[in-house]
Amino acid sequence: MCDGYGYNTFTKKLEKSPKNTMAIKSTIYKIDLQIADMDRHYYADHSLTLARHPSETDERLMVRLIAFMLYANEALTFGKGLSDDEEPDLWQKDLTGAIELWIDVGLPDEREVRKACGRAAQVVVVLYGGRVADIWWDNNSKALLKLNNLTVINLPDTQQITDIAARGMTISGTIQDQQILLGHATGSVEISPVLLKQPSKYS
């Protein structure tokens, strides 16, 4: 099982404000996820436990789930995110503790992305939010395009996955030709990720 956290820069600052001294309980989501990733030839079932902080929306929680789907393997786990500046939304480490993969969801600070690229072998930023994600990329792309080990993915139309969110979910995720199909109890939703930046082929 994995415990999941992970939020944006604003909510990190909000939680650490002196006015927010009382502990706020997270909402726990239990997810049975079946993945059939035909692009990576990865087929597995995962039983996940995600914690949604009160400042996180259902939309963001579902985007974190999609990020897990895109890079899923037995070593990928959810980081503390909001609870710890030193952890991402998801990450993967090798047996020595070295960070192989660092995944941030949302609109992280450009300086934090550069810092992550210095700590991890590969870094992925998964954007969402429509127009605000486009603005973020316009403002940060010049600097981020210089980072050789960075991938940036934009998920458009993620509002449609909000209605899927429930404290107990069974979801089948199919990935083929870089398209995502989420099957759930009452139907299915298709997501078409947009690859804005991929890692350079040279170091």
N, C-alpha and C. Protein backbone atom coordinates (compact mmCIF):
# COMPACT_ATOMS: atom_id res chain seq x y z
N MET A 1 0.83 -1.19 0.00
CA MET A 1 0.00 0.00 0.00
C MET A 1 0.87 1.26 0.00
N CYS A 2 0.33 2.33 -0.55
CA CYS A 2 1.07 3.57 -0.61
C CYS A 2 0.26 4.67 0.04
N ASP A 3 0.92 5.54 0.82
CA ASP A 3 0.26 6.71 1.35
C ASP A 3 0.60 7.89 0.46
N GLY A 4 -0.39 8.67 0.01
CA GLY A 4 -0.14 9.69 -0.98
C GLY A 4 -0.43 11.08 -0.48
N TYR A 5 0.48 11.97 -0.75
CA TYR A 5 0.31 13.38 -0.52
C TYR A 5 0.85 14.09 -1.75
N GLY A 6 0.85 15.43 -1.77
CA GLY A 6 1.44 16.12 -2.89
C GLY A 6 0.57 17.25 -3.36
N TYR A 7 1.03 18.48 -3.26
CA TYR A 7 0.21 19.63 -3.54
C TYR A 7 1.08 20.72 -4.14
N ASN A 8 0.49 21.91 -4.36
CA ASN A 8 1.25 22.94 -5.02
C ASN A 8 1.96 23.86 -4.05
N THR A 9 2.76 24.79 -4.59
CA THR A 9 3.58 25.66 -3.77
C THR A 9 2.74 26.51 -2.84
N PHE A 10 1.58 27.00 -3.31
CA PHE A 10 0.74 27.85 -2.49
C PHE A 10 0.26 27.12 -1.25
N THR A 11 -0.21 25.90 -1.41
CA THR A 11 -0.73 25.18 -0.27
C THR A 11 0.38 24.77 0.68
N LYS A 12 1.59 24.56 0.17
CA LYS A 12 2.70 24.29 1.06
C LYS A 12 2.95 25.47 1.98
N LYS A 13 2.93 26.69 1.42
CA LYS A 13 3.14 27.88 2.23
C LYS A 13 2.00 28.08 3.21
N LEU A 14 0.77 27.76 2.77
CA LEU A 14 -0.40 27.95 3.61
C LEU A 14 -0.33 27.08 4.85
N GLU A 15 0.04 25.81 4.65
CA GLU A 15 0.08 24.90 5.79
C GLU A 15 1.13 25.32 6.80
N LYS A 16 2.21 25.91 6.34
CA LYS A 16 3.29 26.27 7.24
C LYS A 16 3.12 27.64 7.88
N SER A 17 2.01 28.31 7.57
CA SER A 17 1.72 29.59 8.20
C SER A 17 1.47 29.39 9.68
N PRO A 18 1.92 30.35 10.57
CA PRO A 18 1.71 30.23 12.00
C PRO A 18 0.23 30.11 12.35
N LYS A 19 -0.67 30.60 11.50
CA LYS A 19 -2.10 30.55 11.78
C LYS A 19 -2.66 29.14 11.63
N ASN A 20 -1.88 28.27 11.03
CA ASN A 20 -2.36 26.92 10.76
C ASN A 20 -1.61 25.93 11.66
N THR A 21 -1.76 26.09 12.97
CA THR A 21 -1.03 25.28 13.91
C THR A 21 -1.78 24.01 14.29
N MET A 22 -3.08 23.97 14.08
CA MET A 22 -3.86 22.78 14.41
C MET A 22 -3.73 21.74 13.31
N ALA A 23 -3.60 20.49 13.72
CA ALA A 23 -3.51 19.41 12.73
C ALA A 23 -4.86 19.24 12.03
N ILE A 24 -4.81 19.14 10.72
CA ILE A 24 -6.02 18.92 9.93
C ILE A 24 -5.95 17.51 9.36
N LYS A 25 -7.00 16.77 9.58
CA LYS A 25 -7.00 15.38 9.13
C LYS A 25 -7.20 15.30 7.62
N SER A 26 -6.47 14.39 7.02
CA SER A 26 -6.65 14.12 5.60
C SER A 26 -7.80 13.14 5.39
N THR A 27 -8.35 13.17 4.19
CA THR A 27 -9.38 12.21 3.81
C THR A 27 -8.73 11.05 3.08
N ILE A 28 -9.03 9.84 3.51
CA ILE A 28 -8.39 8.66 2.95
C ILE A 28 -9.22 8.08 1.81
N TYR A 29 -8.55 7.80 0.71
CA TYR A 29 -9.18 7.20 -0.46
C TYR A 29 -8.52 5.84 -0.71
N LYS A 30 -9.34 4.81 -0.85
CA LYS A 30 -8.86 3.47 -1.17
C LYS A 30 -9.16 3.18 -2.65
N ILE A 31 -8.14 2.80 -3.38
CA ILE A 31 -8.29 2.64 -4.82
C ILE A 31 -7.75 1.29 -5.26
N ASP A 32 -8.59 0.51 -5.93
CA ASP A 32 -8.14 -0.70 -6.61
C ASP A 32 -7.93 -0.32 -8.08
N LEU A 33 -6.68 -0.32 -8.49
CA LEU A 33 -6.32 0.16 -9.82
C LEU A 33 -5.76 -0.98 -10.67
N GLN A 34 -6.37 -1.19 -11.81
CA GLN A 34 -5.92 -2.19 -12.76
C GLN A 34 -5.31 -1.46 -13.96
N ILE A 35 -4.05 -1.70 -14.22
CA ILE A 35 -3.34 -0.99 -15.28
C ILE A 35 -3.01 -1.92 -16.43
N ALA A 36 -3.36 -1.50 -17.63
CA ALA A 36 -2.94 -2.18 -18.85
C ALA A 36 -2.28 -1.13 -19.73
N ASP A 37 -0.96 -1.02 -19.60
CA ASP A 37 -0.19 -0.03 -20.36
C ASP A 37 0.45 -0.72 -21.55
N MET A 38 -0.19 -0.59 -22.68
CA MET A 38 0.29 -1.28 -23.88
C MET A 38 1.52 -0.60 -24.46
N ASP A 39 1.72 0.68 -24.14
CA ASP A 39 2.91 1.38 -24.64
C ASP A 39 4.18 0.88 -23.94
N ARG A 40 4.07 0.60 -22.64
CA ARG A 40 5.23 0.13 -21.87
C ARG A 40 5.20 -1.37 -21.62
N HIS A 41 4.13 -2.03 -22.07
CA HIS A 41 3.95 -3.46 -21.81
C HIS A 41 3.97 -3.74 -20.30
N TYR A 42 3.20 -2.93 -19.58
CA TYR A 42 3.10 -3.08 -18.13
C TYR A 42 1.66 -3.39 -17.77
N TYR A 43 1.47 -4.53 -17.10
CA TYR A 43 0.12 -4.97 -16.75
C TYR A 43 0.15 -5.41 -15.29
N ALA A 44 -0.61 -4.71 -14.44
CA ALA A 44 -0.56 -5.03 -13.01
C ALA A 44 -1.77 -4.45 -12.30
N ASP A 45 -2.06 -5.02 -11.14
CA ASP A 45 -3.09 -4.50 -10.25
C ASP A 45 -2.40 -3.86 -9.04
N HIS A 46 -2.90 -2.71 -8.62
CA HIS A 46 -2.34 -2.01 -7.46
C HIS A 46 -3.46 -1.65 -6.49
N SER A 47 -3.25 -1.93 -5.21
CA SER A 47 -4.16 -1.48 -4.16
C SER A 47 -3.51 -0.26 -3.50
N LEU A 48 -4.10 0.90 -3.70
CA LEU A 48 -3.50 2.16 -3.28
C LEU A 48 -4.31 2.81 -2.17
N THR A 49 -3.61 3.49 -1.27
CA THR A 49 -4.24 4.33 -0.27
C THR A 49 -3.69 5.74 -0.45
N LEU A 50 -4.55 6.67 -0.83
CA LEU A 50 -4.16 8.06 -1.02
C LEU A 50 -4.79 8.92 0.06
N ALA A 51 -4.01 9.85 0.60
CA ALA A 51 -4.52 10.80 1.59
C ALA A 51 -4.71 12.14 0.92
N ARG A 52 -5.94 12.65 0.96
CA ARG A 52 -6.23 13.95 0.36
C ARG A 52 -6.37 15.00 1.45
N HIS A 53 -5.40 15.92 1.46
CA HIS A 53 -5.43 17.02 2.41
C HIS A 53 -6.64 17.91 2.11
N PRO A 54 -7.23 18.58 3.13
CA PRO A 54 -8.40 19.44 2.88
C PRO A 54 -8.16 20.52 1.83
N SER A 55 -6.91 20.92 1.62
CA SER A 55 -6.63 21.95 0.63
C SER A 55 -6.47 21.39 -0.77
N GLU A 56 -6.49 20.06 -0.91
CA GLU A 56 -6.36 19.44 -2.23
C GLU A 56 -7.75 19.12 -2.78
N THR A 57 -7.92 19.37 -4.06
CA THR A 57 -9.20 19.08 -4.71
C THR A 57 -9.25 17.63 -5.19
N ASP A 58 -10.46 17.16 -5.45
CA ASP A 58 -10.61 15.83 -6.05
C ASP A 58 -9.92 15.76 -7.41
N GLU A 59 -9.95 16.85 -8.14
CA GLU A 59 -9.30 16.88 -9.45
C GLU A 59 -7.82 16.61 -9.32
N ARG A 60 -7.17 17.24 -8.36
CA ARG A 60 -5.74 17.05 -8.19
C ARG A 60 -5.41 15.63 -7.72
N LEU A 61 -6.24 15.11 -6.85
CA LEU A 61 -6.03 13.74 -6.39
C LEU A 61 -6.10 12.77 -7.57
N MET A 62 -7.05 13.00 -8.48
CA MET A 62 -7.17 12.13 -9.64
C MET A 62 -6.01 12.30 -10.61
N VAL A 63 -5.47 13.50 -10.69
CA VAL A 63 -4.29 13.72 -11.54
C VAL A 63 -3.09 12.98 -10.95
N ARG A 64 -2.98 12.97 -9.64
CA ARG A 64 -1.90 12.18 -9.02
C ARG A 64 -2.05 10.70 -9.36
N LEU A 65 -3.29 10.24 -9.39
CA LEU A 65 -3.53 8.84 -9.75
C LEU A 65 -3.12 8.57 -11.19
N ILE A 66 -3.42 9.49 -12.09
CA ILE A 66 -3.03 9.33 -13.49
C ILE A 66 -1.51 9.34 -13.61
N ALA A 67 -0.84 10.22 -12.86
CA ALA A 67 0.62 10.25 -12.87
C ALA A 67 1.19 8.90 -12.44
N PHE A 68 0.57 8.29 -11.44
CA PHE A 68 1.00 6.96 -11.02
C PHE A 68 0.83 5.96 -12.16
N MET A 69 -0.32 6.02 -12.83
CA MET A 69 -0.57 5.11 -13.94
C MET A 69 0.49 5.22 -15.02
N LEU A 70 0.86 6.43 -15.35
CA LEU A 70 1.79 6.66 -16.46
C LEU A 70 3.17 6.07 -16.21
N TYR A 71 3.58 5.99 -14.93
CA TYR A 71 4.93 5.53 -14.60
C TYR A 71 4.93 4.35 -13.63
N ALA A 72 3.81 3.68 -13.50
CA ALA A 72 3.65 2.65 -12.48
C ALA A 72 4.67 1.53 -12.58
N ASN A 73 5.16 1.14 -11.45
CA ASN A 73 5.90 -0.10 -11.25
C ASN A 73 5.92 -0.38 -9.75
N GLU A 74 6.47 -1.48 -9.36
CA GLU A 74 6.42 -1.88 -7.95
C GLU A 74 7.24 -0.96 -7.05
N ALA A 75 8.16 -0.21 -7.62
CA ALA A 75 9.02 0.66 -6.81
C ALA A 75 8.49 2.09 -6.70
N LEU A 76 7.49 2.44 -7.50
CA LEU A 76 6.96 3.81 -7.48
C LEU A 76 6.02 3.98 -6.30
N THR A 77 6.23 5.03 -5.50
CA THR A 77 5.39 5.29 -4.33
C THR A 77 4.99 6.76 -4.30
N PHE A 78 3.97 7.05 -3.50
CA PHE A 78 3.55 8.42 -3.30
C PHE A 78 4.40 9.06 -2.20
N GLY A 79 4.91 10.27 -2.47
CA GLY A 79 5.67 10.99 -1.47
C GLY A 79 4.75 11.82 -0.59
N LYS A 80 5.34 12.49 0.40
CA LYS A 80 4.56 13.29 1.34
C LYS A 80 4.11 14.62 0.75
N GLY A 81 4.84 15.10 -0.28
CA GLY A 81 4.41 16.32 -0.97
C GLY A 81 4.26 17.50 -0.04
N LEU A 82 3.02 17.87 0.25
CA LEU A 82 2.71 19.03 1.08
C LEU A 82 3.34 18.96 2.45
N SER A 83 3.42 17.78 3.02
CA SER A 83 3.91 17.63 4.38
C SER A 83 5.42 17.76 4.49
N ASP A 84 6.12 17.73 3.38
CA ASP A 84 7.58 17.74 3.42
C ASP A 84 8.12 18.34 2.13
N ASP A 85 8.80 19.47 2.23
CA ASP A 85 9.36 20.12 1.04
C ASP A 85 10.38 19.25 0.32
N GLU A 86 10.92 18.27 1.02
CA GLU A 86 11.96 17.45 0.44
C GLU A 86 11.42 16.24 -0.32
N GLU A 87 10.10 16.10 -0.37
CA GLU A 87 9.52 14.97 -1.08
C GLU A 87 8.56 15.45 -2.16
N PRO A 88 8.52 14.73 -3.29
CA PRO A 88 7.60 15.07 -4.39
C PRO A 88 6.24 14.41 -4.19
N ASP A 89 5.39 14.50 -5.20
CA ASP A 89 4.11 13.81 -5.16
C ASP A 89 4.28 12.30 -5.31
N LEU A 90 5.20 11.91 -6.18
CA LEU A 90 5.54 10.49 -6.34
C LEU A 90 7.03 10.40 -6.58
N TRP A 91 7.59 9.27 -6.17
CA TRP A 91 8.99 9.05 -6.48
C TRP A 91 9.34 7.58 -6.48
N GLN A 92 10.51 7.32 -7.07
CA GLN A 92 11.03 5.96 -7.15
C GLN A 92 12.50 6.00 -6.81
N LYS A 93 12.92 5.10 -5.90
CA LYS A 93 14.32 5.04 -5.48
C LYS A 93 14.90 3.67 -5.79
N ASP A 94 16.21 3.62 -5.94
CA ASP A 94 16.86 2.32 -6.11
C ASP A 94 17.20 1.76 -4.73
N LEU A 95 17.86 0.62 -4.69
CA LEU A 95 18.14 -0.05 -3.43
C LEU A 95 19.12 0.73 -2.55
N THR A 96 19.86 1.64 -3.12
CA THR A 96 20.81 2.45 -2.34
C THR A 96 20.16 3.72 -1.79
N GLY A 97 18.90 3.99 -2.20
CA GLY A 97 18.23 5.21 -1.77
C GLY A 97 18.35 6.35 -2.76
N ALA A 98 19.10 6.14 -3.84
CA ALA A 98 19.21 7.18 -4.86
C ALA A 98 17.87 7.35 -5.58
N ILE A 99 17.52 8.58 -5.89
CA ILE A 99 16.22 8.87 -6.51
C ILE A 99 16.32 8.67 -8.02
N GLU A 100 15.61 7.69 -8.51
CA GLU A 100 15.60 7.40 -9.94
C GLU A 100 14.57 8.26 -10.67
N LEU A 101 13.43 8.51 -10.02
CA LEU A 101 12.34 9.25 -10.66
C LEU A 101 11.64 10.12 -9.63
N TRP A 102 11.41 11.37 -10.00
CA TRP A 102 10.75 12.37 -9.15
C TRP A 102 9.60 12.96 -9.95
N ILE A 103 8.37 12.87 -9.42
CA ILE A 103 7.20 13.36 -10.14
C ILE A 103 6.48 14.41 -9.31
N ASP A 104 6.30 15.59 -9.89
CA ASP A 104 5.51 16.67 -9.28
C ASP A 104 4.25 16.88 -10.09
N VAL A 105 3.15 17.12 -9.40
CA VAL A 105 1.85 17.36 -10.03
C VAL A 105 1.43 18.79 -9.76
N GLY A 106 0.89 19.46 -10.79
CA GLY A 106 0.40 20.83 -10.60
C GLY A 106 1.30 21.84 -11.27
N LEU A 107 1.52 22.96 -10.58
CA LEU A 107 2.30 24.07 -11.13
C LEU A 107 3.42 24.42 -10.17
N PRO A 108 4.45 23.59 -10.10
CA PRO A 108 5.54 23.82 -9.14
C PRO A 108 6.36 25.04 -9.50
N ASP A 109 7.04 25.57 -8.50
CA ASP A 109 7.95 26.69 -8.72
C ASP A 109 9.11 26.23 -9.60
N GLU A 110 9.48 27.05 -10.55
CA GLU A 110 10.54 26.68 -11.49
C GLU A 110 11.86 26.37 -10.77
N ARG A 111 12.14 27.09 -9.70
CA ARG A 111 13.37 26.84 -8.94
C ARG A 111 13.33 25.47 -8.28
N GLU A 112 12.14 25.05 -7.83
CA GLU A 112 12.02 23.73 -7.22
C GLU A 112 12.20 22.62 -8.26
N VAL A 113 11.76 22.87 -9.48
CA VAL A 113 11.95 21.89 -10.54
C VAL A 113 13.43 21.72 -10.84
N ARG A 114 14.15 22.84 -10.91
CA ARG A 114 15.59 22.76 -11.17
C ARG A 114 16.31 22.03 -10.03
N LYS A 115 15.88 22.29 -8.80
CA LYS A 115 16.46 21.61 -7.64
C LYS A 115 16.22 20.11 -7.73
N ALA A 116 15.00 19.72 -8.11
CA ALA A 116 14.68 18.30 -8.24
C ALA A 116 15.53 17.64 -9.31
N CYS A 117 15.79 18.36 -10.40
CA CYS A 117 16.61 17.81 -11.49
C CYS A 117 18.05 17.56 -11.05
N GLY A 118 18.46 18.26 -10.02
CA GLY A 118 19.79 18.02 -9.46
C GLY A 118 19.83 16.86 -8.49
N ARG A 119 18.66 16.45 -8.01
CA ARG A 119 18.58 15.38 -7.01
C ARG A 119 18.23 14.03 -7.62
N ALA A 120 17.48 14.03 -8.72
CA ALA A 120 16.95 12.79 -9.27
C ALA A 120 17.48 12.53 -10.67
N ALA A 121 17.54 11.25 -11.04
CA ALA A 121 18.00 10.91 -12.38
C ALA A 121 17.03 11.41 -13.44
N GLN A 122 15.72 11.29 -13.16
CA GLN A 122 14.69 11.77 -14.07
C GLN A 122 13.62 12.50 -13.27
N VAL A 123 13.13 13.60 -13.83
CA VAL A 123 12.08 14.40 -13.18
C VAL A 123 10.93 14.56 -14.17
N VAL A 124 9.70 14.42 -13.66
CA VAL A 124 8.51 14.60 -14.47
C VAL A 124 7.60 15.61 -13.79
N VAL A 125 7.11 16.57 -14.54
CA VAL A 125 6.10 17.51 -14.05
C VAL A 125 4.82 17.25 -14.84
N VAL A 126 3.74 16.96 -14.12
CA VAL A 126 2.44 16.71 -14.75
C VAL A 126 1.54 17.92 -14.48
N LEU A 127 1.29 18.69 -15.51
CA LEU A 127 0.48 19.91 -15.40
C LEU A 127 -0.99 19.58 -15.60
N TYR A 128 -1.85 20.43 -15.03
CA TYR A 128 -3.28 20.35 -15.29
C TYR A 128 -3.87 21.71 -14.96
N GLY A 129 -5.10 21.93 -15.35
CA GLY A 129 -5.75 23.20 -15.01
C GLY A 129 -6.13 24.06 -16.19
N GLY A 130 -5.92 23.53 -17.40
CA GLY A 130 -6.34 24.30 -18.57
C GLY A 130 -5.49 25.52 -18.83
N ARG A 131 -6.12 26.67 -18.86
CA ARG A 131 -5.44 27.92 -19.21
C ARG A 131 -4.31 28.25 -18.24
N VAL A 132 -4.49 27.97 -16.94
CA VAL A 132 -3.43 28.30 -15.98
C VAL A 132 -2.19 27.45 -16.22
N ALA A 133 -2.38 26.22 -16.68
CA ALA A 133 -1.24 25.38 -17.02
C ALA A 133 -0.52 25.92 -18.25
N ASP A 134 -1.27 26.41 -19.22
CA ASP A 134 -0.66 27.02 -20.41
C ASP A 134 0.16 28.25 -20.04
N ILE A 135 -0.36 29.05 -19.14
CA ILE A 135 0.35 30.26 -18.69
C ILE A 135 1.63 29.86 -17.95
N TRP A 136 1.52 28.85 -17.09
CA TRP A 136 2.70 28.38 -16.36
C TRP A 136 3.80 27.96 -17.33
N TRP A 137 3.44 27.21 -18.35
CA TRP A 137 4.43 26.74 -19.31
C TRP A 137 5.03 27.91 -20.10
N ASP A 138 4.20 28.85 -20.49
CA ASP A 138 4.70 30.03 -21.20
C ASP A 138 5.73 30.79 -20.36
N ASN A 139 5.48 30.86 -19.06
CA ASN A 139 6.35 31.62 -18.16
C ASN A 139 7.63 30.88 -17.80
N ASN A 140 7.60 29.56 -17.85
CA ASN A 140 8.74 28.78 -17.35
C ASN A 140 9.47 27.95 -18.40
N SER A 141 8.92 27.86 -19.59
CA SER A 141 9.48 26.94 -20.59
C SER A 141 10.91 27.29 -20.98
N LYS A 142 11.23 28.56 -21.07
CA LYS A 142 12.58 28.95 -21.50
C LYS A 142 13.64 28.36 -20.59
N ALA A 143 13.40 28.43 -19.30
CA ALA A 143 14.37 27.89 -18.34
C ALA A 143 14.32 26.37 -18.28
N LEU A 144 13.12 25.81 -18.33
CA LEU A 144 12.97 24.37 -18.14
C LEU A 144 13.44 23.57 -19.36
N LEU A 145 13.38 24.16 -20.53
CA LEU A 145 13.83 23.45 -21.73
C LEU A 145 15.33 23.16 -21.68
N LYS A 146 16.06 23.80 -20.79
CA LYS A 146 17.50 23.59 -20.66
C LYS A 146 17.83 22.39 -19.78
N LEU A 147 16.84 21.84 -19.09
CA LEU A 147 17.08 20.73 -18.16
C LEU A 147 16.98 19.40 -18.90
N ASN A 148 18.10 18.72 -19.03
CA ASN A 148 18.16 17.52 -19.87
C ASN A 148 17.37 16.34 -19.33
N ASN A 149 17.19 16.26 -18.02
CA ASN A 149 16.53 15.09 -17.43
C ASN A 149 15.09 15.37 -17.01
N LEU A 150 14.46 16.34 -17.67
CA LEU A 150 13.09 16.75 -17.32
C LEU A 150 12.08 16.37 -18.41
N THR A 151 10.94 15.86 -17.97
CA THR A 151 9.79 15.63 -18.82
C THR A 151 8.64 16.49 -18.31
N VAL A 152 7.92 17.15 -19.21
CA VAL A 152 6.75 17.95 -18.82
C VAL A 152 5.55 17.46 -19.63
N ILE A 153 4.50 17.08 -18.92
CA ILE A 153 3.27 16.57 -19.53
C ILE A 153 2.10 17.43 -19.09
N ASN A 154 1.26 17.80 -20.04
CA ASN A 154 0.05 18.56 -19.71
C ASN A 154 -1.17 17.67 -19.91
N LEU A 155 -2.04 17.63 -18.89
CA LEU A 155 -3.28 16.87 -18.99
C LEU A 155 -4.44 17.84 -19.17
N PRO A 156 -5.00 17.92 -20.37
CA PRO A 156 -6.12 18.82 -20.61
C PRO A 156 -7.44 18.20 -20.15
N ASP A 157 -8.41 19.05 -19.87
CA ASP A 157 -9.77 18.61 -19.58
C ASP A 157 -9.85 17.65 -18.39
N THR A 158 -9.09 17.94 -17.34
CA THR A 158 -9.12 17.04 -16.18
C THR A 158 -10.33 17.27 -15.28
N GLN A 159 -11.10 18.31 -15.55
CA GLN A 159 -12.32 18.52 -14.77
C GLN A 159 -13.26 17.32 -14.89
N GLN A 160 -13.20 16.65 -16.04
CA GLN A 160 -14.12 15.54 -16.28
C GLN A 160 -13.84 14.33 -15.39
N ILE A 161 -12.64 14.25 -14.81
CA ILE A 161 -12.34 13.10 -13.95
C ILE A 161 -12.71 13.36 -12.50
N THR A 162 -13.10 14.58 -12.17
CA THR A 162 -13.45 14.90 -10.79
C THR A 162 -14.63 14.07 -10.30
N ASP A 163 -15.60 13.85 -11.16
CA ASP A 163 -16.81 13.12 -10.76
C ASP A 163 -16.53 11.65 -10.45
N ILE A 164 -15.38 11.15 -10.88
CA ILE A 164 -15.03 9.75 -10.61
C ILE A 164 -14.62 9.57 -9.15
N ALA A 165 -14.04 10.63 -8.57
CA ALA A 165 -13.42 10.53 -7.25
C ALA A 165 -14.42 10.08 -6.19
N ALA A 166 -14.04 9.06 -5.45
CA ALA A 166 -14.83 8.57 -4.32
C ALA A 166 -13.86 7.94 -3.34
N ARG A 167 -14.28 7.81 -2.09
CA ARG A 167 -13.38 7.30 -1.07
C ARG A 167 -13.06 5.82 -1.26
N GLY A 168 -13.87 5.16 -2.05
CA GLY A 168 -13.57 3.80 -2.46
C GLY A 168 -13.77 3.70 -3.96
N MET A 169 -12.73 3.36 -4.69
CA MET A 169 -12.80 3.35 -6.16
C MET A 169 -12.20 2.07 -6.72
N THR A 170 -12.81 1.58 -7.77
CA THR A 170 -12.22 0.53 -8.60
C THR A 170 -12.10 1.10 -10.00
N ILE A 171 -10.86 1.21 -10.48
CA ILE A 171 -10.60 1.86 -11.76
C ILE A 171 -9.71 0.98 -12.62
N SER A 172 -10.07 0.88 -13.88
CA SER A 172 -9.20 0.22 -14.85
C SER A 172 -8.62 1.30 -15.75
N GLY A 173 -7.31 1.30 -15.85
CA GLY A 173 -6.64 2.30 -16.67
C GLY A 173 -5.94 1.64 -17.84
N THR A 174 -6.34 2.03 -19.04
CA THR A 174 -5.72 1.50 -20.26
C THR A 174 -4.95 2.62 -20.94
N ILE A 175 -3.70 2.34 -21.30
CA ILE A 175 -2.87 3.32 -21.99
C ILE A 175 -2.42 2.70 -23.31
N GLN A 176 -2.75 3.36 -24.40
CA GLN A 176 -2.35 2.89 -25.72
C GLN A 176 -2.15 4.07 -26.64
N ASP A 177 -1.02 4.07 -27.35
CA ASP A 177 -0.67 5.18 -28.25
C ASP A 177 -0.76 6.52 -27.51
N GLN A 178 -0.27 6.51 -26.27
CA GLN A 178 -0.20 7.71 -25.42
C GLN A 178 -1.57 8.28 -25.08
N GLN A 179 -2.61 7.51 -25.23
CA GLN A 179 -3.95 7.91 -24.82
C GLN A 179 -4.35 7.10 -23.59
N ILE A 180 -5.08 7.75 -22.68
CA ILE A 180 -5.48 7.12 -21.43
C ILE A 180 -6.99 6.94 -21.41
N LEU A 181 -7.43 5.73 -21.07
CA LEU A 181 -8.85 5.46 -20.90
C LEU A 181 -9.07 4.97 -19.48
N LEU A 182 -9.86 5.74 -18.72
CA LEU A 182 -10.18 5.37 -17.34
C LEU A 182 -11.57 4.75 -17.31
N GLY A 183 -11.64 3.48 -16.95
CA GLY A 183 -12.92 2.82 -16.78
C GLY A 183 -13.30 2.81 -15.31
N HIS A 184 -14.55 3.13 -15.01
CA HIS A 184 -15.01 3.17 -13.62
C HIS A 184 -16.42 2.60 -13.55
N ALA A 185 -17.03 2.69 -12.38
CA ALA A 185 -18.29 1.99 -12.12
C ALA A 185 -19.41 2.43 -13.05
N THR A 186 -19.40 3.69 -13.48
CA THR A 186 -20.54 4.20 -14.26
C THR A 186 -20.18 4.56 -15.70
N GLY A 187 -18.97 4.25 -16.13
CA GLY A 187 -18.62 4.59 -17.50
C GLY A 187 -17.12 4.68 -17.70
N SER A 188 -16.69 5.56 -18.58
CA SER A 188 -15.27 5.72 -18.87
C SER A 188 -14.97 7.17 -19.27
N VAL A 189 -13.71 7.55 -19.09
CA VAL A 189 -13.25 8.89 -19.44
C VAL A 189 -11.95 8.75 -20.21
N GLU A 190 -11.81 9.50 -21.29
CA GLU A 190 -10.58 9.47 -22.08
C GLU A 190 -9.78 10.75 -21.86
N ILE A 191 -8.48 10.58 -21.63
CA ILE A 191 -7.57 11.70 -21.43
C ILE A 191 -6.47 11.63 -22.49
N SER A 192 -6.16 12.76 -23.09
CA SER A 192 -5.11 12.81 -24.12
C SER A 192 -3.96 13.69 -23.63
N PRO A 193 -2.95 13.09 -22.99
CA PRO A 193 -1.82 13.89 -22.50
C PRO A 193 -1.07 14.58 -23.64
N VAL A 194 -0.57 15.75 -23.33
CA VAL A 194 0.24 16.51 -24.30
C VAL A 194 1.67 16.57 -23.76
N LEU A 195 2.60 16.02 -24.52
CA LEU A 195 4.01 16.03 -24.12
C LEU A 195 4.64 17.35 -24.53
N LEU A 196 4.93 18.19 -23.55
CA LEU A 196 5.52 19.51 -23.81
C LEU A 196 7.04 19.46 -23.86
N LYS A 197 7.62 18.56 -23.11
CA LYS A 197 9.08 18.41 -23.11
C LYS A 197 9.44 16.97 -22.75
N GLN A 198 10.38 16.43 -23.47
CA GLN A 198 10.90 15.12 -23.12
C GLN A 198 12.39 15.22 -22.83
N PRO A 199 12.97 14.24 -22.13
CA PRO A 199 14.39 14.33 -21.78
C PRO A 199 15.28 14.40 -23.02
N SER A 200 16.38 15.08 -22.89
CA SER A 200 17.34 15.15 -23.98
C SER A 200 18.03 13.79 -24.13
N LYS A 201 18.47 13.49 -25.32
CA LYS A 201 19.13 12.22 -25.59
C LYS A 201 20.63 12.28 -25.30
N TYR A 202 21.04 13.41 -24.76
CA TYR A 202 22.45 13.55 -24.41
C TYR A 202 22.50 14.14 -23.01
N SER A 203 23.59 13.94 -22.34
CA SER A 203 23.74 14.43 -20.96
C SER A 203 24.45 15.76 -20.95
